[in-house]
C-alpha atoms as a PDB file:
ATOM      1  CA  MET A   1       0.000   0.000   0.000  1.00  0.00           C
ATOM      2  CA  THR A   2       1.122   3.513  -0.673  1.00  0.00           C
ATOM      3  CA  LYS A   3       1.673   6.021   2.089  1.00  0.00           C
ATOM      4  CA  ALA A   4      -1.131   8.229   0.800  1.00  0.00           C
ATOM      5  CA  LEU A   5      -3.587   5.333   0.852  1.00  0.00           C
ATOM      6  CA  LEU A   6      -2.556   4.333   4.367  1.00  0.00           C
ATOM      7  CA  GLU A   7      -2.987   7.900   5.594  1.00  0.00           C
ATOM      8  CA  LYS A   8      -6.444   8.072   4.019  1.00  0.00           C
ATOM      9  CA  MET A   9      -7.454   4.764   5.595  1.00  0.00           C
ATOM     10  CA  ILE A  10      -6.244   5.887   9.016  1.00  0.00           C
ATOM     11  CA  LEU A  11      -8.251   9.092   8.774  1.00  0.00           C
ATOM     12  CA  GLU A  12     -11.350   7.140   7.746  1.00  0.00           C
ATOM     13  CA  GLU A  13     -10.965   4.691  10.625  1.00  0.00           C
ATOM     14  CA  THR A  14     -10.629   7.482  13.203  1.00  0.00           C
ATOM     15  CA  LYS A  15     -13.666   9.539  12.152  1.00  0.00           C
ATOM     16  CA  ASN A  16     -16.178   8.506  14.814  1.00  0.00           C
ATOM     17  CA  LEU A  17     -13.845   7.740  17.684  1.00  0.00           C
ATOM     18  CA  THR A  18     -14.091   9.373  21.083  1.00  0.00           C
ATOM     19  CA  PRO A  19     -11.597  12.064  22.080  1.00  0.00           C
ATOM     20  CA  GLU A  20     -10.047   9.561  24.498  1.00  0.00           C
ATOM     21  CA  ALA A  21      -9.521   6.999  21.735  1.00  0.00           C
ATOM     22  CA  LEU A  22      -8.047   9.687  19.477  1.00  0.00           C
ATOM     23  CA  GLN A  23      -5.682  10.697  22.294  1.00  0.00           C
ATOM     24  CA  GLU A  24      -4.503   7.085  22.577  1.00  0.00           C
ATOM     25  CA  ILE A  25      -3.858   6.985  18.836  1.00  0.00           C
ATOM     26  CA  LEU A  26      -1.948  10.265  19.026  1.00  0.00           C
ATOM     27  CA  ASP A  27       0.137   8.934  21.922  1.00  0.00           C
ATOM     28  CA  PHE A  28       0.932   5.801  19.927  1.00  0.00           C
ATOM     29  CA  ILE A  29       1.951   7.837  16.875  1.00  0.00           C
ATOM     30  CA  ARG A  30       4.274   9.972  19.000  1.00  0.00           C
ATOM     31  CA  PHE A  31       5.730   6.832  20.592  1.00  0.00           C
ATOM     32  CA  LYS A  32       6.421   5.324  17.165  1.00  0.00           C
ATOM     33  CA  LYS A  33       8.082   8.538  15.973  1.00  0.00           C
ATOM     34  CA  LEU A  34      10.336   8.602  19.050  1.00  0.00           C
ATOM     35  CA  LYS A  35      11.219   4.949  18.571  1.00  0.00           C
ATOM     36  CA  VAL A  36      12.171   5.487  14.916  1.00  0.00           C
ATOM     37  CA  SER A  37      14.141   8.610  15.803  1.00  0.00           C
ATOM     38  CA  ALA A  38      16.015   6.814  18.583  1.00  0.00           C
ATOM     39  CA  LYS A  39      16.884   3.921  16.268  1.00  0.00           C
ATOM     40  CA  GLU A  40      18.160   6.282  13.569  1.00  0.00           C
ATOM     41  CA  SER A  41      20.174   8.212  16.147  1.00  0.00           C
ATOM     42  CA  PHE A  42      21.662   4.987  17.524  1.00  0.00           C
ATOM     43  CA  GLU A  43      22.596   3.728  14.059  1.00  0.00           C
ATOM     44  CA  SER A  44      24.176   7.071  13.223  1.00  0.00           C
ATOM     45  CA  GLU A  45      26.188   6.997  16.461  1.00  0.00           C
ATOM     46  CA  ILE A  46      27.392   3.445  15.746  1.00  0.00           C
ATOM     47  CA  LYS A  47      28.532   4.440  12.254  1.00  0.00           C
ATOM     48  CA  ARG A  48      30.383   7.443  13.665  1.00  0.00           C
ATOM     49  CA  GLU A  49      32.055   5.313  16.347  1.00  0.00           C
ATOM     50  CA  LEU A  50      33.119   2.701  13.790  1.00  0.00           C
ATOM     51  CA  SER A  51      34.515   5.439  11.584  1.00  0.00           C
ATOM     52  CA  ASN A  52      36.500   6.835  14.505  1.00  0.00           C
ATOM     53  CA  LEU A  53      37.710   3.350  15.361  1.00  0.00           C
ATOM     54  CA  GLY A  54      38.996   2.964  11.821  1.00  0.00           C
ATOM     55  CA  GLU A  55      40.870   6.254  12.090  1.00  0.00           C
ATOM     56  CA  LEU A  56      42.326   5.315  15.489  1.00  0.00           C
ATOM     57  CA  SER A  57      43.417   1.923  14.144  1.00  0.00           C
ATOM     58  CA  SER A  58      45.172   3.598  11.229  1.00  0.00           C
ATOM     59  CA  ILE A  59      46.974   6.001  13.546  1.00  0.00           C
ATOM     60  CA  HIS A  60      47.999   3.118  15.809  1.00  0.00           C
ATOM     61  CA  LEU A  61      49.347   1.089  12.870  1.00  0.00           C
ATOM     62  CA  GLU A  62      51.268   4.067  11.507  1.00  0.00           C
ATOM     63  CA  GLU A  63      52.854   4.630  14.918  1.00  0.00           C
ATOM     64  CA  GLU A  64      53.596   0.927  15.317  1.00  0.00           C
ATOM     65  CA  PHE A  65      55.425   0.726  11.997  1.00  0.00           C
ATOM     66  CA  ALA A  66      56.939   4.236  11.939  1.00  0.00           C
ATOM     67  CA  ASP A  67      60.551   3.062  12.133  1.00  0.00           C
ATOM     68  CA  TYR A  68      59.991  -0.468  10.917  1.00  0.00           C
ATOM     69  CA  LYS A  69      62.886  -0.508   8.453  1.00  0.00           C
ATOM     70  CA  GLU A  70      65.358   0.717  11.080  1.00  0.00           C
ATOM     71  CA  ARG A  71      64.183  -1.690  13.764  1.00  0.00           C
ATOM     72  CA  TYR A  72      63.927  -4.730  11.511  1.00  0.00           C
ATOM     73  CA  THR A  73      66.729  -4.485   8.985  1.00  0.00           C
ATOM     74  CA  ARG A  74      67.148  -7.287   6.500  1.00  0.00           C
ATOM     75  CA  GLU A  75      70.414  -9.142   6.562  1.00  0.00           C
END
């Protein structure tokens, strides 16, 4: 189903509900939006952390092998 059709169906289904029932639906919608937002934020944070980890690993490897040729000369 398309988003537009779903929105239309939701509006139709809510037409004769009590204010209390509508409030529950509104609360649920807000909960779902927060949940999606939190998930997106978490995924973004994980990607940023992994990116930083990659940078830190590169720095560590560069430092580890900075004077490799001098320390491990070939005979």
